[in-house]
Protein backbone atom coordinates (compact mmCIF):
# COMPACT_ATOMS: atom_id res chain seq x y z
CA UNK A 1 87.66 182.42 110.17
CA UNK A 2 91.38 181.88 110.06
CA UNK A 3 91.37 181.05 113.73
CA UNK A 4 88.65 178.43 113.13
CA UNK A 5 90.70 176.80 110.38
CA UNK A 6 93.74 176.72 112.61
CA UNK A 7 91.74 175.08 115.36
CA UNK A 8 90.44 172.38 113.01
CA UNK A 9 93.93 171.65 111.68
CA UNK A 10 95.25 171.53 115.21
CA UNK A 11 92.57 169.01 116.23
CA UNK A 12 93.29 166.82 113.20
CA UNK A 13 97.01 166.84 113.94
CA UNK A 14 96.32 165.99 117.55
CA UNK A 15 94.06 163.05 116.55
CA UNK A 16 96.70 161.66 114.21
CA UNK A 17 99.33 162.02 116.88
CA UNK A 18 97.15 160.25 119.44
CA UNK A 19 96.45 157.42 116.99
CA UNK A 20 100.13 157.12 116.23
CA UNK A 21 101.02 156.98 119.86
CA UNK A 22 98.28 154.40 120.49
CA UNK A 23 99.43 152.24 117.59
CA UNK A 24 103.03 152.43 118.75
CA UNK A 25 101.97 151.57 122.29
CA UNK A 26 100.06 148.51 121.11
CA UNK A 27 103.06 147.46 119.05
CA UNK A 28 105.32 147.64 122.08
CA UNK A 29 102.82 145.69 124.16
CA UNK A 30 102.72 143.04 121.49
CA UNK A 31 106.51 142.85 121.53
CA UNK A 32 106.49 142.28 125.30
CA UNK A 33 104.05 139.38 124.96
CA UNK A 34 106.14 137.99 122.09
CA UNK A 35 109.31 138.07 124.22
CA UNK A 36 107.66 135.95 126.92
CA UNK A 37 106.30 133.59 124.22
CA UNK A 38 102.67 134.61 124.70
CA UNK A 39 102.20 134.57 120.95
CA UNK A 40 98.40 134.63 121.01
CA UNK A 41 98.32 137.80 123.12
CA UNK A 42 101.06 139.29 120.97
CA UNK A 43 98.95 138.62 117.87
CA UNK A 44 95.99 140.39 119.48
CA UNK A 45 98.03 143.55 120.19
CA UNK A 46 99.61 143.55 116.74
CA UNK A 47 96.23 143.31 115.04
CA UNK A 48 94.86 146.21 117.06
CA UNK A 49 97.95 148.24 116.23
CA UNK A 50 97.52 147.32 112.57
CA UNK A 51 93.93 148.60 112.57
CA UNK A 52 95.01 152.00 113.86
CA UNK A 53 98.13 152.35 111.73
CA UNK A 54 99.10 149.80 109.10
CA UNK A 55 102.89 149.67 109.11
CA UNK A 56 105.32 147.20 107.57
CA UNK A 57 106.88 146.63 110.97
CA UNK A 58 103.52 145.68 112.46
CA UNK A 59 102.83 143.21 109.63
CA UNK A 60 106.32 141.74 110.09
CA UNK A 61 105.84 141.26 113.85
CA UNK A 62 102.35 139.86 113.33
CA UNK A 63 103.75 137.41 110.81
CA UNK A 64 106.32 136.26 113.36
CA UNK A 65 103.61 135.73 116.01
CA UNK A 66 101.52 133.70 113.56
CA UNK A 67 104.56 131.66 112.50
CA UNK A 68 105.28 130.74 116.13
CA UNK A 69 101.72 129.44 116.39
CA UNK A 70 102.21 127.18 113.38
CA UNK A 71 99.87 129.21 111.13
CA UNK A 72 102.34 129.39 108.30
CA UNK A 73 100.08 130.45 105.44
CA UNK A 74 98.67 133.36 107.46
CA UNK A 75 102.20 134.31 108.46
CA UNK A 76 103.28 134.29 104.80
CA UNK A 77 100.44 136.70 103.96
CA UNK A 78 101.62 139.17 106.63
CA UNK A 79 105.25 138.90 105.54
CA UNK A 80 104.12 139.52 101.96
CA UNK A 81 102.38 142.72 103.12
CA UNK A 82 105.53 143.81 104.93
CA UNK A 83 107.66 143.48 101.76
CA UNK A 84 105.62 146.29 100.16
CA UNK A 85 106.82 148.83 102.72
CA UNK A 86 109.76 151.16 102.42
CA UNK A 87 112.77 150.00 104.46
CA UNK A 88 116.49 149.39 104.24
CA UNK A 89 117.77 146.43 102.20
CA UNK A 90 118.99 144.58 105.28
CA UNK A 91 115.58 144.89 106.93
CA UNK A 92 113.70 143.87 103.78
CA UNK A 93 116.05 140.91 103.36
CA UNK A 94 114.95 139.69 106.79
CA UNK A 95 111.31 139.99 105.74
CA UNK A 96 111.92 137.92 102.60
CA UNK A 97 113.91 135.40 104.66
CA UNK A 98 110.98 134.89 107.05
CA UNK A 99 108.57 134.80 104.11
CA UNK A 100 110.63 131.97 102.62
CA UNK A 101 110.58 130.10 105.93
CA UNK A 102 106.78 130.38 106.21
CA UNK A 103 106.22 129.22 102.63
CA UNK A 104 108.66 126.34 103.12
CA UNK A 105 106.72 125.21 106.18
CA UNK A 106 103.51 125.47 104.13
CA UNK A 107 105.08 123.06 101.53
CA UNK A 108 105.18 125.80 98.88
CA UNK A 109 108.70 125.07 97.71
CA UNK A 110 108.79 127.18 94.56
CA UNK A 111 107.44 130.23 96.40
CA UNK A 112 109.94 129.71 99.22
CA UNK A 113 112.81 129.46 96.73
CA UNK A 114 111.81 132.77 95.12
CA UNK A 115 111.59 134.48 98.52
CA UNK A 116 115.07 133.28 99.48
CA UNK A 117 116.43 134.52 96.16
CA UNK A 118 114.96 137.96 96.83
CA UNK A 119 116.54 137.96 100.29
CA UNK A 120 119.96 136.99 98.90
CA UNK A 121 119.79 139.77 96.30
CA UNK A 122 119.22 142.29 99.07
CA UNK A 123 121.82 140.78 101.43
CA UNK A 124 124.28 138.39 99.67
CA UNK A 125 126.26 137.87 102.90
CA UNK A 126 123.47 136.17 104.84
CA UNK A 127 124.76 132.59 105.15
CA UNK A 128 121.58 131.28 106.75
CA UNK A 129 119.47 132.45 103.81
CA UNK A 130 121.99 130.95 101.38
CA UNK A 131 121.79 127.65 103.24
CA UNK A 132 117.98 127.67 103.13
CA UNK A 133 118.05 128.52 99.44
CA UNK A 134 120.33 125.58 98.59
CA UNK A 135 118.33 123.23 100.80
CA UNK A 136 115.10 124.27 99.08
CA UNK A 137 116.67 123.67 95.66
CA UNK A 138 117.60 120.13 96.72
CA UNK A 139 114.10 119.51 98.04
CA UNK A 140 112.58 120.63 94.74
CA UNK A 141 114.98 118.37 92.81
CA UNK A 142 114.12 115.38 95.01
CA UNK A 143 110.41 116.08 94.63
CA UNK A 144 110.74 116.20 90.85
CA UNK A 145 112.65 112.89 90.84
CA UNK A 146 109.99 111.26 93.01
CA UNK A 147 107.27 112.50 90.68
CA UNK A 148 109.12 111.11 87.66
CA UNK A 149 109.60 107.75 89.36
CA UNK A 150 105.94 107.68 90.33
CA UNK A 151 104.88 108.48 86.78
CA UNK A 152 107.18 105.77 85.39
CA UNK A 153 105.86 103.30 87.94
CA UNK A 154 102.25 104.14 87.08
CA UNK A 155 103.06 103.91 83.37
CA UNK A 156 104.70 100.51 83.90
CA UNK A 157 101.73 99.26 85.91
CA UNK A 158 99.39 100.52 83.22
CA UNK A 159 101.39 98.74 80.50
CA UNK A 160 101.54 95.54 82.54
CA UNK A 161 97.80 95.67 83.14
CA UNK A 162 97.15 96.38 79.47
CA UNK A 163 99.40 93.47 78.44
CA UNK A 164 97.73 91.21 80.98
CA UNK A 165 94.29 92.13 79.64
CA UNK A 166 95.48 91.55 76.09
CA UNK A 167 96.95 88.14 76.98
CA UNK A 168 93.75 87.21 78.79
CA UNK A 169 91.65 88.23 75.79
CA UNK A 170 93.89 86.23 73.43
CA UNK A 171 93.65 83.20 75.72
CA UNK A 172 89.86 83.48 75.83
CA UNK A 173 89.73 83.71 72.03
CA UNK A 174 92.01 80.69 71.72
CA UNK A 175 89.91 78.71 74.18
CA UNK A 176 86.78 79.62 72.25
CA UNK A 177 88.36 78.53 68.96
CA UNK A 178 89.52 75.27 70.51
CA UNK A 179 86.03 74.62 71.88
CA UNK A 180 84.44 75.37 68.51
CA UNK A 181 86.91 73.05 66.75
CA UNK A 182 86.27 70.33 69.30
CA UNK A 183 82.51 70.65 68.81
CA UNK A 184 82.94 70.55 65.05
CA UNK A 185 85.17 67.47 65.24
CA UNK A 186 82.60 65.75 67.44
CA UNK A 187 79.82 66.57 64.99
CA UNK A 188 81.90 65.29 62.08
CA UNK A 189 82.71 62.11 63.96
CA UNK A 190 79.04 61.49 64.77
CA UNK A 191 78.02 62.15 61.18
CA UNK A 192 80.72 59.81 59.86
CA UNK A 193 79.54 57.03 62.16
CA UNK A 194 75.96 57.54 60.97
CA UNK A 195 77.07 57.38 57.32
CA UNK A 196 79.09 54.22 57.93
CA UNK A 197 76.15 52.54 59.67
CA UNK A 198 73.82 53.39 56.79
CA UNK A 199 76.17 51.82 54.22
CA UNK A 200 76.73 48.70 56.29
CA UNK A 201 72.97 48.27 56.57
CA UNK A 202 72.62 48.46 52.80
CA UNK A 203 71.53 52.05 52.71
CA UNK A 204 72.99 54.62 50.37
CA UNK A 205 75.35 57.38 51.42
CA UNK A 206 73.62 60.76 51.36
CA UNK A 207 75.53 62.44 48.54
CA UNK A 208 73.41 65.58 48.80
CA UNK A 209 75.26 66.41 52.03
CA UNK A 210 78.45 66.83 50.04
CA UNK A 211 76.83 69.53 47.96
CA UNK A 212 75.78 71.51 51.02
CA UNK A 213 79.07 71.65 52.90
CA UNK A 214 82.78 71.28 52.29
CA UNK A 215 84.56 68.23 53.59
CA UNK A 216 87.67 68.57 55.61
CA UNK A 217 90.57 66.17 55.14
CA UNK A 218 89.31 63.81 57.84
CA UNK A 219 85.87 63.46 56.21
CA UNK A 220 87.45 62.88 52.81
CA UNK A 221 89.64 60.06 54.10
CA UNK A 222 86.74 58.38 55.85
CA UNK A 223 84.55 58.67 52.78
CA UNK A 224 87.29 57.20 50.57
CA UNK A 225 87.68 54.24 52.92
CA UNK A 226 83.95 53.58 52.85
CA UNK A 227 83.87 53.67 49.02
CA UNK A 228 86.87 51.37 48.75
CA UNK A 229 85.28 48.89 51.14
CA UNK A 230 82.07 48.89 49.12
CA UNK A 231 84.01 48.38 45.87
CA UNK A 232 85.85 45.43 47.39
CA UNK A 233 82.51 43.89 48.40
CA UNK A 234 81.15 44.36 44.87
CA UNK A 235 84.29 42.85 43.31
CA UNK A 236 84.09 39.89 45.69
CA UNK A 237 80.48 39.25 44.70
CA UNK A 238 81.41 39.41 41.00
CA UNK A 239 84.24 36.89 41.48
CA UNK A 240 81.92 34.49 43.26
CA UNK A 241 79.31 34.90 40.55
CA UNK A 242 81.80 34.21 37.72
CA UNK A 243 83.22 31.23 39.60
CA UNK A 244 79.76 29.69 39.91
CA UNK A 245 79.05 30.20 36.21
CA UNK A 246 82.25 28.36 35.21
CA UNK A 247 81.45 25.36 37.38
CA UNK A 248 77.94 25.09 35.93
CA UNK A 249 79.24 25.30 32.35
CA UNK A 250 81.64 22.38 32.94
CA UNK A 251 79.02 20.22 34.50
CA UNK A 252 76.52 21.04 31.86
């Protein structure tokens, strides 16, 4: 029984060893393809190695192969996996540095900035990472300024459009009021002419109209002129009548 257990343990150890050797072999093959810039073939070997034994180094190398192919978001995912592994600070700083580069290329500025900060904490003497960190900070600042300018521009356009609509509405209201006043003046003028014609023809002015509507100043002036003219005609008739009576009395 003990011998059987030992055999089983020996077989398991052998299988793990074979898998480890196979994974390591695939990793080395991937590195060879990477060195000659066959990044697609390198990716294939790294993925196979990753399936057999998932190591931080494999994820890091796979991320590099993906980055070289311009697949930055996929590369960032692999670099993120690699940061979870146990390694020296210098090595992990390199992983965070490459993670920042991938996220920067993917236009994820805030994420890239955080990755560079992590790298600098692990290795403060890396001038390249410091440079990338400062550059990313400037890019974020410029982006924020552009967004503010765009918002101000849109706000100004919105205010101008609102003011233009308001001015247009006020102009339309004014035009409508002017048209209504013009129509009313025309009606008043026509009515005044009709009233004047009626009086000149011996008709009577329709006083009931005054009870049904208010006269404006123009109507009142016209009406007063008509009344004064009629009074003058009456006075003239009376003078002629009295003059005739006096002449008859003398003769008679």
